[in-house]
Amino acid sequence: MARKPLVLLGLLGTRLDAGVSAARWDRWRPTVATFSHDDLLIDRFELLHQPRHARLAEQVMADIARVSPETTQRAHPIELPDP
């Protein structure tokens, strides 16, 4: 029996997922780290982010593509009210 595609919804973390220099690979970033598990094959990733954090979302998605090139990704800018 074929396995069902695994789709993951994620919300960009502006603190823990942040990083633009090469040093970002030296620390734990939860969204990117999720794709580093050899026994967890994620077929598609839907990343929700605030429009003002689009650049960070692009960086995180580029890093995910490096560690999990087989994963299809899509970014979804959404406005979230400040609680």
N, C-alpha and C. Protein backbone atom coordinates (compact mmCIF):
# COMPACT_ATOMS: atom_id res chain seq x y z
N MET A 1 0.84 -1.18 0.00
CA MET A 1 0.00 0.00 0.00
C MET A 1 0.89 1.25 0.00
N ALA A 2 0.60 2.17 -0.88
CA ALA A 2 1.37 3.40 -0.98
C ALA A 2 1.09 4.30 0.22
N ARG A 3 2.12 4.99 0.65
CA ARG A 3 1.93 5.88 1.79
C ARG A 3 1.29 7.19 1.31
N LYS A 4 0.49 7.77 2.18
CA LYS A 4 -0.13 9.06 1.88
C LYS A 4 0.93 10.15 1.95
N PRO A 5 0.83 11.17 1.11
CA PRO A 5 1.78 12.28 1.20
C PRO A 5 1.66 12.98 2.55
N LEU A 6 2.78 13.33 3.10
CA LEU A 6 2.81 14.02 4.39
C LEU A 6 2.95 15.52 4.13
N VAL A 7 1.97 16.28 4.59
CA VAL A 7 1.95 17.73 4.42
C VAL A 7 2.08 18.36 5.80
N LEU A 8 2.99 19.31 5.91
CA LEU A 8 3.23 19.99 7.18
C LEU A 8 2.89 21.47 7.04
N LEU A 9 2.10 21.97 7.98
CA LEU A 9 1.83 23.41 8.09
C LEU A 9 2.75 23.98 9.15
N GLY A 10 3.38 25.10 8.85
CA GLY A 10 4.27 25.71 9.83
C GLY A 10 4.05 27.20 9.91
N LEU A 11 4.35 27.74 11.07
CA LEU A 11 4.27 29.18 11.31
C LEU A 11 5.69 29.68 11.56
N LEU A 12 6.13 30.64 10.77
CA LEU A 12 7.48 31.16 10.87
C LEU A 12 7.73 31.77 12.24
N GLY A 13 8.81 31.38 12.87
CA GLY A 13 9.21 31.95 14.15
C GLY A 13 10.26 33.02 13.91
N THR A 14 9.94 34.25 14.23
CA THR A 14 10.84 35.36 13.88
C THR A 14 12.08 35.43 14.76
N ARG A 15 12.10 34.74 15.87
CA ARG A 15 13.28 34.73 16.73
C ARG A 15 14.10 33.46 16.53
N LEU A 16 13.48 32.31 16.76
CA LEU A 16 14.24 31.06 16.70
C LEU A 16 14.59 30.65 15.27
N ASP A 17 13.79 31.02 14.29
CA ASP A 17 14.10 30.67 12.90
C ASP A 17 15.01 31.70 12.23
N ALA A 18 15.27 32.81 12.88
CA ALA A 18 16.04 33.89 12.27
C ALA A 18 17.51 33.52 12.09
N GLY A 19 18.14 34.24 11.18
CA GLY A 19 19.56 34.08 10.93
C GLY A 19 19.85 34.28 9.46
N VAL A 20 20.82 35.15 9.16
CA VAL A 20 21.17 35.39 7.76
C VAL A 20 22.62 35.04 7.46
N SER A 21 23.47 35.05 8.46
CA SER A 21 24.87 34.72 8.22
C SER A 21 25.07 33.21 8.24
N ALA A 22 26.23 32.78 7.85
CA ALA A 22 26.55 31.34 7.84
C ALA A 22 26.46 30.74 9.24
N ALA A 23 26.57 31.57 10.27
CA ALA A 23 26.49 31.08 11.65
C ALA A 23 25.12 30.52 11.99
N ARG A 24 24.11 30.80 11.17
CA ARG A 24 22.77 30.29 11.45
C ARG A 24 22.74 28.76 11.45
N TRP A 25 23.68 28.14 10.76
CA TRP A 25 23.74 26.68 10.72
C TRP A 25 24.28 26.09 12.01
N ASP A 26 24.88 26.92 12.86
CA ASP A 26 25.47 26.45 14.12
C ASP A 26 24.48 26.43 15.27
N ARG A 27 23.29 26.90 15.06
CA ARG A 27 22.31 26.91 16.14
C ARG A 27 21.01 26.25 15.67
N TRP A 28 20.22 25.87 16.66
CA TRP A 28 18.98 25.16 16.37
C TRP A 28 17.92 26.14 15.90
N ARG A 29 17.36 25.85 14.76
CA ARG A 29 16.22 26.61 14.22
C ARG A 29 15.10 25.60 13.99
N PRO A 30 14.01 25.71 14.74
CA PRO A 30 12.99 24.65 14.75
C PRO A 30 12.41 24.29 13.39
N THR A 31 12.13 25.28 12.57
CA THR A 31 11.51 24.96 11.29
C THR A 31 12.46 24.19 10.39
N VAL A 32 13.70 24.64 10.30
CA VAL A 32 14.69 23.95 9.47
C VAL A 32 15.03 22.58 10.07
N ALA A 33 15.15 22.51 11.38
CA ALA A 33 15.52 21.25 12.04
C ALA A 33 14.50 20.15 11.80
N THR A 34 13.25 20.51 11.63
CA THR A 34 12.20 19.52 11.37
C THR A 34 12.52 18.69 10.13
N PHE A 35 13.18 19.29 9.17
CA PHE A 35 13.46 18.62 7.90
C PHE A 35 14.80 17.87 7.90
N SER A 36 15.48 17.86 9.02
CA SER A 36 16.78 17.19 9.13
C SER A 36 16.68 15.75 9.60
N HIS A 37 15.49 15.27 9.87
CA HIS A 37 15.30 13.91 10.36
C HIS A 37 15.19 12.94 9.18
N ASP A 38 16.12 12.01 9.09
CA ASP A 38 16.11 11.05 7.99
C ASP A 38 14.88 10.16 7.98
N ASP A 39 14.28 9.93 9.13
CA ASP A 39 13.13 9.04 9.22
C ASP A 39 11.79 9.78 9.10
N LEU A 40 11.83 11.07 8.81
CA LEU A 40 10.61 11.86 8.63
C LEU A 40 10.65 12.51 7.25
N LEU A 41 9.95 11.92 6.30
CA LEU A 41 9.95 12.43 4.93
C LEU A 41 8.71 13.28 4.70
N ILE A 42 8.91 14.57 4.63
CA ILE A 42 7.81 15.52 4.44
C ILE A 42 7.71 15.84 2.96
N ASP A 43 6.56 15.58 2.37
CA ASP A 43 6.38 15.78 0.94
C ASP A 43 6.12 17.24 0.58
N ARG A 44 5.34 17.92 1.42
CA ARG A 44 5.00 19.31 1.12
C ARG A 44 4.98 20.12 2.41
N PHE A 45 5.48 21.35 2.32
CA PHE A 45 5.51 22.25 3.47
C PHE A 45 4.81 23.54 3.09
N GLU A 46 3.86 23.94 3.92
CA GLU A 46 3.12 25.18 3.75
C GLU A 46 3.53 26.12 4.89
N LEU A 47 4.25 27.17 4.57
CA LEU A 47 4.79 28.09 5.58
C LEU A 47 3.94 29.34 5.67
N LEU A 48 3.35 29.56 6.83
CA LEU A 48 2.57 30.78 7.10
C LEU A 48 3.50 31.81 7.72
N HIS A 49 3.42 33.05 7.24
CA HIS A 49 4.28 34.11 7.78
C HIS A 49 3.62 35.47 7.59
N GLN A 50 4.01 36.39 8.43
CA GLN A 50 3.54 37.78 8.29
C GLN A 50 4.21 38.38 7.05
N PRO A 51 3.51 39.19 6.27
CA PRO A 51 4.10 39.79 5.07
C PRO A 51 5.41 40.54 5.36
N ARG A 52 5.50 41.17 6.50
CA ARG A 52 6.72 41.93 6.81
C ARG A 52 7.93 41.03 7.07
N HIS A 53 7.72 39.72 7.19
CA HIS A 53 8.82 38.78 7.41
C HIS A 53 9.07 37.91 6.17
N ALA A 54 8.71 38.42 5.01
CA ALA A 54 8.85 37.65 3.77
C ALA A 54 10.30 37.28 3.49
N ARG A 55 11.23 38.18 3.77
CA ARG A 55 12.64 37.88 3.51
C ARG A 55 13.13 36.72 4.38
N LEU A 56 12.75 36.73 5.64
CA LEU A 56 13.11 35.63 6.53
C LEU A 56 12.47 34.32 6.06
N ALA A 57 11.23 34.38 5.63
CA ALA A 57 10.55 33.19 5.12
C ALA A 57 11.29 32.62 3.92
N GLU A 58 11.75 33.49 3.02
CA GLU A 58 12.51 33.03 1.86
C GLU A 58 13.81 32.37 2.28
N GLN A 59 14.49 32.94 3.27
CA GLN A 59 15.75 32.37 3.75
C GLN A 59 15.52 30.99 4.37
N VAL A 60 14.51 30.88 5.20
CA VAL A 60 14.19 29.60 5.84
C VAL A 60 13.83 28.56 4.78
N MET A 61 13.07 28.94 3.79
CA MET A 61 12.70 28.00 2.74
C MET A 61 13.91 27.58 1.91
N ALA A 62 14.83 28.49 1.68
CA ALA A 62 16.07 28.14 0.96
C ALA A 62 16.89 27.15 1.78
N ASP A 63 16.94 27.35 3.09
CA ASP A 63 17.68 26.43 3.95
C ASP A 63 17.01 25.06 4.00
N ILE A 64 15.70 25.04 4.01
CA ILE A 64 14.98 23.76 3.98
C ILE A 64 15.28 23.03 2.67
N ALA A 65 15.33 23.77 1.57
CA ALA A 65 15.64 23.15 0.28
C ALA A 65 17.03 22.52 0.28
N ARG A 66 17.95 23.07 1.05
CA ARG A 66 19.29 22.48 1.14
C ARG A 66 19.28 21.16 1.91
N VAL A 67 18.50 21.08 2.98
CA VAL A 67 18.50 19.86 3.80
C VAL A 67 17.47 18.84 3.33
N SER A 68 16.46 19.29 2.59
CA SER A 68 15.40 18.38 2.13
C SER A 68 14.94 18.79 0.72
N PRO A 69 15.79 18.58 -0.28
CA PRO A 69 15.45 19.04 -1.63
C PRO A 69 14.21 18.38 -2.23
N GLU A 70 13.80 17.24 -1.69
CA GLU A 70 12.63 16.55 -2.23
C GLU A 70 11.31 17.13 -1.73
N THR A 71 11.37 18.04 -0.77
CA THR A 71 10.15 18.64 -0.21
C THR A 71 9.69 19.82 -1.06
N THR A 72 8.44 19.81 -1.46
CA THR A 72 7.82 20.95 -2.15
C THR A 72 7.41 21.96 -1.09
N GLN A 73 7.64 23.25 -1.37
CA GLN A 73 7.33 24.28 -0.37
C GLN A 73 6.50 25.40 -0.99
N ARG A 74 5.66 25.98 -0.16
CA ARG A 74 4.90 27.17 -0.55
C ARG A 74 4.81 28.10 0.65
N ALA A 75 4.97 29.38 0.39
CA ALA A 75 4.85 30.39 1.44
C ALA A 75 3.48 31.06 1.32
N HIS A 76 2.91 31.38 2.48
CA HIS A 76 1.60 32.01 2.53
C HIS A 76 1.67 33.22 3.46
N PRO A 77 1.79 34.44 2.90
CA PRO A 77 1.78 35.62 3.76
C PRO A 77 0.37 35.86 4.30
N ILE A 78 0.28 36.00 5.61
CA ILE A 78 -1.01 36.27 6.25
C ILE A 78 -0.81 37.33 7.32
N GLU A 79 -1.78 38.19 7.47
CA GLU A 79 -1.75 39.20 8.53
C GLU A 79 -2.34 38.59 9.79
N LEU A 80 -1.60 38.66 10.86
CA LEU A 80 -2.09 38.18 12.15
C LEU A 80 -2.21 39.36 13.09
N PRO A 81 -3.35 39.53 13.75
CA PRO A 81 -3.49 40.65 14.68
C PRO A 81 -2.59 40.46 15.89
N ASP A 82 -2.14 41.56 16.44
CA ASP A 82 -1.32 41.51 17.65
C ASP A 82 -2.25 41.20 18.83
N PRO A 83 -1.96 40.10 19.54
CA PRO A 83 -2.86 39.74 20.64
C PRO A 83 -2.72 40.74 21.75
